[in-house]
């Protein structure tokens, strides 16, 4: 391995695509260059099991014999997502009201990306919370696994309780521990 291959550098870019089923995806660096492999284990070390296409991301990368690979995720910028989702029910929610809504620990009951929705349960409650794929994407995630721990901001929707924001468990834990 050459010194150039040993060099670790910071790159800012966006997720080109990520497939949790395949266990990897690619990042496109803002400054150009080859696509950066993002392995599921690197993403899990950051505390997420998936990331939505188009999401802003900052990674540490290393050139290997197989190409450029992310070795650590430093930050995921949900705000970089395109605003082309169709979450109609949440358009009228004031961002300050949403931010003031408590983050609740929850577990995914089931989620079907092809159907575009799923359900979760807040810990200690049997009530189902509807989770729409566009809310998931807007939160910077692309998919959820049954049994996965997450944090939810829950609002009352037209058809019942709905997730207005979904956080990966590790990110949610930071919010839970704030005084």
N, C-alpha and C. Protein backbone atom coordinates (compact mmCIF):
# COMPACT_ATOMS: atom_id res chain seq x y z
N UNK A 1 0.85 -1.18 0.00
CA UNK A 1 0.00 0.00 0.00
C UNK A 1 0.89 1.24 0.00
N UNK A 2 0.59 2.22 -0.82
CA UNK A 2 1.40 3.43 -0.91
C UNK A 2 1.02 4.43 0.17
N UNK A 3 1.88 5.46 0.33
CA UNK A 3 1.57 6.52 1.30
C UNK A 3 0.27 7.22 0.94
N UNK A 4 0.04 7.38 -0.39
CA UNK A 4 -1.21 8.02 -0.83
C UNK A 4 -2.42 7.21 -0.39
N UNK A 5 -2.29 5.88 -0.41
CA UNK A 5 -3.40 5.03 0.02
C UNK A 5 -3.59 5.10 1.53
N UNK A 6 -2.55 5.36 2.29
CA UNK A 6 -2.65 5.46 3.74
C UNK A 6 -3.24 6.78 4.19
N UNK A 7 -3.20 7.80 3.32
CA UNK A 7 -3.69 9.13 3.68
C UNK A 7 -5.20 9.11 3.91
N UNK A 8 -5.61 9.68 5.03
CA UNK A 8 -7.03 9.79 5.36
C UNK A 8 -7.40 11.26 5.26
N UNK A 9 -8.44 11.56 4.48
CA UNK A 9 -8.85 12.95 4.27
C UNK A 9 -10.35 13.11 4.52
N UNK A 10 -10.73 14.31 4.86
CA UNK A 10 -12.14 14.66 5.10
C UNK A 10 -12.78 15.10 3.79
N UNK A 11 -13.96 14.59 3.51
CA UNK A 11 -14.71 14.96 2.30
C UNK A 11 -16.14 15.32 2.67
N UNK A 12 -16.63 16.37 2.03
CA UNK A 12 -18.02 16.80 2.18
C UNK A 12 -18.71 16.53 0.85
N UNK A 13 -19.92 16.01 0.91
CA UNK A 13 -20.65 15.72 -0.32
C UNK A 13 -22.09 15.36 -0.03
N UNK A 14 -22.65 14.50 -0.89
CA UNK A 14 -24.03 14.03 -0.69
C UNK A 14 -24.11 12.55 -1.06
N UNK A 15 -25.10 11.89 -0.49
CA UNK A 15 -25.30 10.48 -0.76
C UNK A 15 -25.90 10.33 -2.15
N UNK A 16 -25.20 9.61 -2.99
CA UNK A 16 -25.68 9.33 -4.36
C UNK A 16 -26.82 8.33 -4.26
N UNK A 17 -26.56 7.23 -3.55
CA UNK A 17 -27.59 6.23 -3.23
C UNK A 17 -27.04 5.34 -2.13
N UNK A 18 -27.96 4.77 -1.37
CA UNK A 18 -27.59 3.82 -0.32
C UNK A 18 -28.68 2.77 -0.25
N UNK A 19 -28.28 1.49 -0.28
CA UNK A 19 -29.22 0.38 -0.22
C UNK A 19 -28.91 -0.48 1.00
N UNK A 20 -29.72 -0.38 2.07
CA UNK A 20 -29.46 -1.17 3.27
C UNK A 20 -29.46 -2.67 3.00
N UNK A 21 -30.25 -3.12 2.04
CA UNK A 21 -30.30 -4.54 1.70
C UNK A 21 -28.98 -5.04 1.13
N UNK A 22 -28.34 -4.20 0.32
CA UNK A 22 -27.04 -4.56 -0.25
C UNK A 22 -25.91 -4.30 0.75
N UNK A 23 -26.17 -3.40 1.69
CA UNK A 23 -25.15 -3.11 2.70
C UNK A 23 -24.15 -2.04 2.31
N UNK A 24 -24.46 -1.28 1.27
CA UNK A 24 -23.55 -0.21 0.87
C UNK A 24 -24.25 0.80 -0.03
N UNK A 25 -23.53 1.85 -0.33
CA UNK A 25 -23.98 2.88 -1.25
C UNK A 25 -22.79 3.75 -1.61
N UNK A 26 -23.06 4.89 -2.22
CA UNK A 26 -21.97 5.76 -2.65
C UNK A 26 -22.25 7.21 -2.31
N UNK A 27 -21.16 7.93 -2.07
CA UNK A 27 -21.17 9.36 -1.78
C UNK A 27 -20.46 10.06 -2.92
N UNK A 28 -20.98 11.22 -3.33
CA UNK A 28 -20.32 12.06 -4.33
C UNK A 28 -19.74 13.25 -3.59
N UNK A 29 -18.43 13.44 -3.71
CA UNK A 29 -17.75 14.56 -3.03
C UNK A 29 -18.05 15.87 -3.75
N UNK A 30 -18.22 16.95 -2.98
CA UNK A 30 -18.49 18.27 -3.57
C UNK A 30 -17.38 18.70 -4.52
N UNK A 31 -16.13 18.34 -4.19
CA UNK A 31 -15.00 18.76 -5.03
C UNK A 31 -14.75 17.83 -6.21
N UNK A 32 -15.63 16.86 -6.42
CA UNK A 32 -15.50 15.95 -7.54
C UNK A 32 -14.65 14.74 -7.19
N UNK A 33 -14.24 14.03 -8.21
CA UNK A 33 -13.44 12.83 -8.00
C UNK A 33 -14.31 11.60 -8.06
N UNK A 34 -13.70 10.44 -7.80
CA UNK A 34 -14.46 9.19 -7.89
C UNK A 34 -15.50 9.07 -6.78
N UNK A 35 -16.54 8.28 -7.05
CA UNK A 35 -17.54 8.01 -6.01
C UNK A 35 -16.86 7.36 -4.82
N UNK A 36 -17.39 7.65 -3.64
CA UNK A 36 -16.85 7.14 -2.38
C UNK A 36 -17.76 6.03 -1.87
N UNK A 37 -17.21 4.84 -1.68
CA UNK A 37 -17.99 3.72 -1.16
C UNK A 37 -18.36 3.99 0.29
N UNK A 38 -19.64 3.84 0.63
CA UNK A 38 -20.12 3.97 2.01
C UNK A 38 -20.69 2.63 2.41
N UNK A 39 -19.96 1.92 3.27
CA UNK A 39 -20.38 0.59 3.71
C UNK A 39 -21.35 0.74 4.89
N UNK A 40 -22.29 -0.19 5.01
CA UNK A 40 -23.29 -0.16 6.08
C UNK A 40 -22.64 -0.16 7.47
N UNK A 41 -21.53 -0.86 7.64
CA UNK A 41 -20.87 -0.89 8.95
C UNK A 41 -20.34 0.49 9.35
N UNK A 42 -19.85 1.25 8.39
CA UNK A 42 -19.36 2.61 8.66
C UNK A 42 -20.54 3.48 9.07
N UNK A 43 -21.67 3.33 8.38
CA UNK A 43 -22.87 4.09 8.72
C UNK A 43 -23.39 3.67 10.10
N UNK A 44 -23.38 2.37 10.40
CA UNK A 44 -23.83 1.89 11.72
C UNK A 44 -22.96 2.43 12.85
N UNK A 45 -21.66 2.56 12.59
CA UNK A 45 -20.76 3.12 13.61
C UNK A 45 -21.14 4.56 13.94
N UNK A 46 -21.77 5.24 12.99
CA UNK A 46 -22.28 6.60 13.22
C UNK A 46 -23.61 6.56 13.97
N UNK A 47 -24.28 5.39 13.95
CA UNK A 47 -25.54 5.24 14.66
C UNK A 47 -26.77 5.21 13.78
N UNK A 48 -26.60 4.99 12.48
CA UNK A 48 -27.74 4.90 11.58
C UNK A 48 -27.65 3.62 10.77
N UNK A 49 -28.82 3.09 10.42
CA UNK A 49 -28.84 1.87 9.60
C UNK A 49 -29.09 2.19 8.14
N UNK A 50 -29.49 3.42 7.84
CA UNK A 50 -29.73 3.83 6.46
C UNK A 50 -29.56 5.34 6.36
N UNK A 51 -29.50 5.81 5.14
CA UNK A 51 -29.40 7.25 4.88
C UNK A 51 -30.07 7.50 3.54
N UNK A 52 -30.83 8.58 3.44
CA UNK A 52 -31.60 8.88 2.24
C UNK A 52 -30.72 9.43 1.12
N UNK A 53 -31.09 9.09 -0.10
CA UNK A 53 -30.40 9.62 -1.27
C UNK A 53 -30.50 11.15 -1.24
N UNK A 54 -29.41 11.82 -1.59
CA UNK A 54 -29.39 13.28 -1.63
C UNK A 54 -29.01 13.94 -0.32
N UNK A 55 -28.89 13.18 0.75
CA UNK A 55 -28.55 13.74 2.05
C UNK A 55 -27.11 14.23 2.07
N UNK A 56 -26.89 15.42 2.64
CA UNK A 56 -25.54 15.94 2.80
C UNK A 56 -24.79 15.10 3.82
N UNK A 57 -23.49 14.91 3.60
CA UNK A 57 -22.72 14.03 4.48
C UNK A 57 -21.26 14.49 4.50
N UNK A 58 -20.62 14.32 5.66
CA UNK A 58 -19.20 14.59 5.82
C UNK A 58 -18.56 13.29 6.29
N UNK A 59 -17.54 12.83 5.56
CA UNK A 59 -16.91 11.55 5.86
C UNK A 59 -15.39 11.68 5.83
N UNK A 60 -14.74 10.78 6.55
CA UNK A 60 -13.30 10.60 6.43
C UNK A 60 -13.12 9.47 5.43
N UNK A 61 -12.24 9.68 4.43
CA UNK A 61 -12.07 8.68 3.39
C UNK A 61 -10.62 8.26 3.25
N UNK A 62 -10.45 7.08 2.67
CA UNK A 62 -9.13 6.55 2.41
C UNK A 62 -9.14 5.86 1.04
N UNK A 63 -8.09 6.09 0.26
CA UNK A 63 -7.96 5.41 -1.03
C UNK A 63 -7.39 4.02 -0.78
N UNK A 64 -8.02 3.01 -1.35
CA UNK A 64 -7.57 1.63 -1.20
C UNK A 64 -7.37 1.03 -2.59
N UNK A 65 -6.94 -0.21 -2.62
CA UNK A 65 -6.78 -0.91 -3.90
C UNK A 65 -8.12 -1.03 -4.62
N UNK A 66 -9.22 -0.96 -3.89
CA UNK A 66 -10.56 -1.10 -4.47
C UNK A 66 -11.23 0.24 -4.74
N UNK A 67 -10.53 1.34 -4.52
CA UNK A 67 -11.10 2.65 -4.76
C UNK A 67 -11.18 3.46 -3.47
N UNK A 68 -11.91 4.56 -3.52
CA UNK A 68 -12.03 5.44 -2.36
C UNK A 68 -13.18 4.94 -1.48
N UNK A 69 -12.89 4.80 -0.18
CA UNK A 69 -13.89 4.29 0.76
C UNK A 69 -14.02 5.21 1.96
N UNK A 70 -15.25 5.41 2.41
CA UNK A 70 -15.48 6.13 3.66
C UNK A 70 -15.08 5.20 4.81
N UNK A 71 -14.33 5.74 5.76
CA UNK A 71 -13.95 4.94 6.92
C UNK A 71 -14.62 5.44 8.19
N UNK A 72 -15.20 6.66 8.11
CA UNK A 72 -15.92 7.22 9.26
C UNK A 72 -16.89 8.28 8.77
N UNK A 73 -18.11 8.28 9.33
CA UNK A 73 -19.08 9.34 9.07
C UNK A 73 -18.94 10.35 10.20
N UNK A 74 -18.72 11.61 9.84
CA UNK A 74 -18.58 12.67 10.84
C UNK A 74 -19.89 13.41 11.07
N UNK A 75 -20.66 13.59 9.98
CA UNK A 75 -21.90 14.37 10.10
C UNK A 75 -22.84 14.02 8.95
N UNK A 76 -24.12 14.03 9.25
CA UNK A 76 -25.16 13.88 8.23
C UNK A 76 -26.04 15.11 8.32
N UNK A 77 -26.18 15.81 7.19
CA UNK A 77 -26.91 17.07 7.14
C UNK A 77 -28.29 16.87 6.53
N UNK A 78 -29.26 16.63 7.37
CA UNK A 78 -30.62 16.39 6.91
C UNK A 78 -31.16 17.58 6.14
N UNK A 79 -30.76 18.79 6.51
CA UNK A 79 -31.26 20.00 5.86
C UNK A 79 -30.90 20.06 4.39
N UNK A 80 -29.92 19.28 3.94
CA UNK A 80 -29.53 19.30 2.53
C UNK A 80 -30.48 18.51 1.64
N UNK A 81 -31.47 17.84 2.23
CA UNK A 81 -32.42 17.06 1.43
C UNK A 81 -33.27 17.98 0.56
N UNK A 82 -33.62 17.48 -0.61
CA UNK A 82 -34.51 18.24 -1.49
C UNK A 82 -35.90 18.32 -0.86
N UNK A 83 -36.58 19.39 -1.13
CA UNK A 83 -37.93 19.59 -0.57
C UNK A 83 -39.00 19.12 -1.56
N UNK A 84 -38.86 17.91 -2.10
CA UNK A 84 -39.82 17.42 -3.07
C UNK A 84 -40.69 16.31 -2.52
N UNK A 85 -40.76 16.22 -1.20
CA UNK A 85 -41.58 15.15 -0.63
C UNK A 85 -43.05 15.55 -0.62
N UNK A 86 -43.89 14.58 -0.34
CA UNK A 86 -45.32 14.80 -0.38
C UNK A 86 -45.92 14.45 0.97
N UNK A 87 -45.53 15.20 2.00
CA UNK A 87 -45.98 14.90 3.35
C UNK A 87 -47.15 15.78 3.75
N UNK A 88 -47.91 16.24 2.80
CA UNK A 88 -49.05 17.12 2.99
C UNK A 88 -49.52 17.39 4.40
N UNK A 89 -49.68 16.36 5.21
CA UNK A 89 -50.22 16.52 6.56
C UNK A 89 -49.32 17.37 7.44
N UNK A 90 -48.06 17.54 7.07
CA UNK A 90 -47.13 18.27 7.93
C UNK A 90 -46.79 19.66 7.43
N UNK A 91 -47.30 20.03 6.28
CA UNK A 91 -46.98 21.32 5.69
C UNK A 91 -47.34 22.47 6.62
N UNK A 92 -48.43 22.35 7.35
CA UNK A 92 -48.91 23.44 8.19
C UNK A 92 -48.30 23.44 9.59
N UNK A 93 -47.39 22.55 9.90
CA UNK A 93 -46.79 22.50 11.23
C UNK A 93 -45.67 23.53 11.31
N UNK A 94 -45.80 24.43 12.26
CA UNK A 94 -44.78 25.44 12.51
C UNK A 94 -43.51 24.73 12.97
N UNK A 95 -42.36 25.00 12.34
CA UNK A 95 -41.11 24.34 12.75
C UNK A 95 -40.79 24.52 14.23
N UNK A 96 -41.15 25.67 14.81
CA UNK A 96 -40.91 25.89 16.24
C UNK A 96 -41.79 24.97 17.08
N UNK A 97 -43.03 24.74 16.64
CA UNK A 97 -43.92 23.83 17.36
C UNK A 97 -43.38 22.41 17.26
N UNK A 98 -42.92 22.03 16.07
CA UNK A 98 -42.37 20.69 15.90
C UNK A 98 -41.13 20.50 16.78
N UNK A 99 -40.25 21.49 16.81
CA UNK A 99 -39.04 21.40 17.64
C UNK A 99 -39.38 21.30 19.12
N UNK A 100 -40.50 21.89 19.52
CA UNK A 100 -40.92 21.84 20.92
C UNK A 100 -41.64 20.53 21.27
N UNK A 101 -42.02 19.77 20.25
CA UNK A 101 -42.67 18.48 20.48
C UNK A 101 -41.63 17.52 21.04
N UNK A 102 -41.94 16.85 22.15
CA UNK A 102 -40.93 15.97 22.75
C UNK A 102 -40.54 14.81 21.83
N UNK A 103 -39.28 14.44 21.94
CA UNK A 103 -38.77 13.30 21.21
C UNK A 103 -39.03 12.07 22.07
N UNK A 104 -39.75 11.10 21.51
CA UNK A 104 -40.14 9.90 22.27
C UNK A 104 -39.35 8.69 21.79
N UNK A 105 -38.84 7.88 22.72
CA UNK A 105 -38.17 6.65 22.32
C UNK A 105 -39.20 5.66 21.79
N UNK A 106 -38.88 5.00 20.68
CA UNK A 106 -39.84 4.09 20.04
C UNK A 106 -39.09 2.92 19.40
N UNK A 107 -39.88 1.92 19.00
CA UNK A 107 -39.33 0.76 18.30
C UNK A 107 -40.18 0.53 17.05
N UNK A 108 -39.52 0.22 15.94
CA UNK A 108 -40.20 -0.02 14.67
C UNK A 108 -40.97 -1.33 14.76
N UNK A 109 -42.26 -1.26 14.44
CA UNK A 109 -43.10 -2.46 14.39
C UNK A 109 -42.87 -3.15 13.05
N UNK A 110 -43.06 -2.39 11.97
CA UNK A 110 -42.73 -2.85 10.62
C UNK A 110 -42.67 -1.63 9.72
N UNK A 111 -41.92 -1.78 8.64
CA UNK A 111 -41.81 -0.70 7.66
C UNK A 111 -41.60 -1.34 6.30
N UNK A 112 -42.38 -0.92 5.30
CA UNK A 112 -42.27 -1.45 3.95
C UNK A 112 -41.99 -0.28 3.00
N UNK A 113 -40.74 -0.19 2.57
CA UNK A 113 -40.33 0.92 1.70
C UNK A 113 -41.14 0.95 0.41
N UNK A 114 -41.47 -0.22 -0.14
CA UNK A 114 -42.22 -0.26 -1.40
C UNK A 114 -43.65 0.27 -1.22
N UNK A 115 -44.23 0.07 -0.05
CA UNK A 115 -45.57 0.61 0.24
C UNK A 115 -45.48 2.08 0.64
N UNK A 116 -44.31 2.49 1.15
CA UNK A 116 -44.11 3.89 1.51
C UNK A 116 -44.51 4.23 2.93
N UNK A 117 -44.69 3.22 3.79
CA UNK A 117 -45.05 3.52 5.17
C UNK A 117 -44.81 2.32 6.07
N UNK A 118 -45.01 2.56 7.34
CA UNK A 118 -44.91 1.51 8.34
C UNK A 118 -45.41 2.05 9.66
N UNK A 119 -45.17 1.30 10.73
CA UNK A 119 -45.64 1.70 12.05
C UNK A 119 -44.56 1.46 13.10
N UNK A 120 -44.63 2.26 14.14
CA UNK A 120 -43.73 2.12 15.28
C UNK A 120 -44.56 2.26 16.55
N UNK A 121 -44.00 1.86 17.67
CA UNK A 121 -44.65 2.00 18.97
C UNK A 121 -43.72 2.76 19.90
N UNK A 122 -44.27 3.79 20.55
CA UNK A 122 -43.51 4.50 21.58
C UNK A 122 -43.36 3.55 22.76
N UNK A 123 -42.17 3.52 23.37
CA UNK A 123 -41.94 2.63 24.50
C UNK A 123 -43.00 2.84 25.56
N UNK A 124 -43.57 1.76 26.06
CA UNK A 124 -44.57 1.82 27.12
C UNK A 124 -45.99 2.02 26.62
N UNK A 125 -46.19 2.09 25.31
CA UNK A 125 -47.52 2.30 24.76
C UNK A 125 -47.77 1.31 23.61
N UNK A 126 -48.93 0.67 23.60
CA UNK A 126 -49.24 -0.25 22.51
C UNK A 126 -49.77 0.46 21.25
N UNK A 127 -50.04 1.76 21.35
CA UNK A 127 -50.60 2.50 20.21
C UNK A 127 -49.63 2.56 19.04
N UNK A 128 -50.15 2.33 17.83
CA UNK A 128 -49.34 2.42 16.62
C UNK A 128 -49.15 3.88 16.21
N UNK A 129 -47.94 4.19 15.78
CA UNK A 129 -47.60 5.51 15.24
C UNK A 129 -47.29 5.30 13.77
N UNK A 130 -48.02 5.99 12.90
CA UNK A 130 -47.82 5.90 11.46
C UNK A 130 -46.52 6.60 11.08
N UNK A 131 -45.70 5.94 10.25
CA UNK A 131 -44.43 6.51 9.77
C UNK A 131 -44.46 6.48 8.25
N UNK A 132 -44.47 7.66 7.62
CA UNK A 132 -44.49 7.77 6.17
C UNK A 132 -43.07 7.84 5.64
N UNK A 133 -42.82 7.25 4.48
CA UNK A 133 -41.48 7.22 3.90
C UNK A 133 -40.94 8.62 3.65
N UNK A 134 -41.78 9.59 3.30
CA UNK A 134 -41.29 10.94 3.05
C UNK A 134 -40.82 11.62 4.33
N UNK A 135 -41.47 11.32 5.44
CA UNK A 135 -41.00 11.84 6.73
C UNK A 135 -39.66 11.20 7.06
N UNK A 136 -39.54 9.93 6.77
CA UNK A 136 -38.28 9.22 6.99
C UNK A 136 -37.16 9.86 6.17
N UNK A 137 -37.42 10.09 4.89
CA UNK A 137 -36.42 10.71 4.00
C UNK A 137 -36.08 12.12 4.47
N UNK A 138 -37.10 12.89 4.83
CA UNK A 138 -36.87 14.25 5.30
C UNK A 138 -36.03 14.24 6.57
N UNK A 139 -36.09 13.15 7.31
CA UNK A 139 -35.30 13.01 8.53
C UNK A 139 -33.90 12.47 8.24
N UNK A 140 -33.60 12.19 6.96
CA UNK A 140 -32.27 11.73 6.58
C UNK A 140 -32.10 10.23 6.58
N UNK A 141 -33.18 9.48 6.68
CA UNK A 141 -33.12 8.02 6.69
C UNK A 141 -33.80 7.49 5.44
N UNK A 142 -33.47 6.26 5.04
CA UNK A 142 -34.12 5.71 3.85
C UNK A 142 -34.97 4.49 4.16
N UNK A 143 -34.70 3.82 5.27
CA UNK A 143 -35.43 2.60 5.57
C UNK A 143 -35.34 2.32 7.07
N UNK A 144 -36.29 1.54 7.57
CA UNK A 144 -36.28 1.11 8.97
C UNK A 144 -36.43 -0.40 9.02
N UNK A 145 -35.81 -1.01 10.01
CA UNK A 145 -35.90 -2.45 10.20
C UNK A 145 -36.81 -2.77 11.38
N UNK A 146 -37.60 -3.85 11.30
CA UNK A 146 -38.44 -4.25 12.44
C UNK A 146 -37.57 -4.43 13.69
N UNK A 147 -38.05 -3.87 14.79
CA UNK A 147 -37.33 -3.97 16.05
C UNK A 147 -36.31 -2.89 16.27
N UNK A 148 -36.03 -2.07 15.24
CA UNK A 148 -35.02 -1.01 15.36
C UNK A 148 -35.50 0.07 16.34
N UNK A 149 -34.61 0.51 17.22
CA UNK A 149 -34.92 1.59 18.15
C UNK A 149 -34.71 2.92 17.44
N UNK A 150 -35.66 3.84 17.63
CA UNK A 150 -35.61 5.17 17.01
C UNK A 150 -36.18 6.19 17.98
N UNK A 151 -36.05 7.45 17.63
CA UNK A 151 -36.71 8.53 18.36
C UNK A 151 -37.73 9.17 17.43
N UNK A 152 -38.92 9.47 17.95
CA UNK A 152 -39.99 10.05 17.13
C UNK A 152 -40.52 11.34 17.74
N UNK A 153 -40.84 12.28 16.88
CA UNK A 153 -41.66 13.43 17.28
C UNK A 153 -43.04 13.10 16.70
N UNK A 154 -44.00 12.94 17.58
CA UNK A 154 -45.33 12.46 17.19
C UNK A 154 -46.33 13.60 17.25
N UNK A 155 -47.15 13.69 16.20
CA UNK A 155 -48.22 14.69 16.13
C UNK A 155 -49.54 13.97 15.88
N UNK A 156 -50.62 14.66 16.15
CA UNK A 156 -51.96 14.13 15.88
C UNK A 156 -52.30 14.50 14.44
N UNK A 157 -52.50 13.49 13.59
CA UNK A 157 -52.82 13.71 12.19
C UNK A 157 -54.30 13.49 11.93
N UNK A 158 -54.68 13.60 10.67
CA UNK A 158 -56.07 13.42 10.26
C UNK A 158 -56.56 12.02 10.62
N UNK A 159 -55.66 11.02 10.49
CA UNK A 159 -56.06 9.64 10.74
C UNK A 159 -55.48 9.07 12.03
N UNK A 160 -54.97 9.90 12.88
CA UNK A 160 -54.41 9.42 14.14
C UNK A 160 -52.98 9.91 14.35
N UNK A 161 -52.29 9.23 15.25
CA UNK A 161 -50.93 9.64 15.61
C UNK A 161 -49.95 9.31 14.50
N UNK A 162 -49.12 10.30 14.16
CA UNK A 162 -48.18 10.18 13.05
C UNK A 162 -46.81 10.70 13.46
N UNK A 163 -45.77 10.10 12.92
CA UNK A 163 -44.42 10.61 13.12
C UNK A 163 -44.22 11.83 12.23
N UNK A 164 -43.78 12.93 12.82
CA UNK A 164 -43.47 14.12 12.05
C UNK A 164 -41.95 14.24 11.86
N UNK A 165 -41.20 13.48 12.67
CA UNK A 165 -39.74 13.44 12.56
C UNK A 165 -39.28 12.09 13.11
N UNK A 166 -38.27 11.52 12.46
CA UNK A 166 -37.70 10.24 12.89
C UNK A 166 -36.21 10.46 13.08
N UNK A 167 -35.69 10.00 14.22
CA UNK A 167 -34.26 10.12 14.50
C UNK A 167 -33.67 8.74 14.71
N UNK A 168 -32.45 8.54 14.20
CA UNK A 168 -31.71 7.32 14.51
C UNK A 168 -31.54 7.27 16.03
N UNK A 169 -31.48 6.07 16.59
CA UNK A 169 -31.44 5.90 18.04
C UNK A 169 -30.29 6.66 18.69
N UNK A 170 -29.09 6.57 18.13
CA UNK A 170 -27.93 7.24 18.74
C UNK A 170 -28.12 8.75 18.77
N UNK A 171 -28.67 9.31 17.70
CA UNK A 171 -28.94 10.75 17.68
C UNK A 171 -30.03 11.10 18.68
N UNK A 172 -31.05 10.26 18.78
CA UNK A 172 -32.14 10.49 19.72
C UNK A 172 -31.64 10.42 21.15
N UNK A 173 -30.73 9.50 21.44
CA UNK A 173 -30.20 9.36 22.80
C UNK A 173 -29.53 10.64 23.27
N UNK A 174 -28.87 11.35 22.37
CA UNK A 174 -28.24 12.63 22.73
C UNK A 174 -29.30 13.63 23.17
N UNK A 175 -30.47 13.61 22.51
CA UNK A 175 -31.57 14.51 22.88
C UNK A 175 -32.20 14.11 24.20
N UNK A 176 -32.30 12.78 24.45
CA UNK A 176 -32.90 12.30 25.68
C UNK A 176 -32.08 12.71 26.88
N UNK A 177 -30.76 12.78 26.71
CA UNK A 177 -29.88 13.06 27.86
C UNK A 177 -29.74 14.54 28.15
N UNK A 178 -30.28 15.42 27.30
CA UNK A 178 -30.21 16.87 27.56
C UNK A 178 -31.12 17.22 28.72
N UNK A 179 -30.66 18.14 29.59
CA UNK A 179 -31.49 18.51 30.76
C UNK A 179 -32.74 19.26 30.35
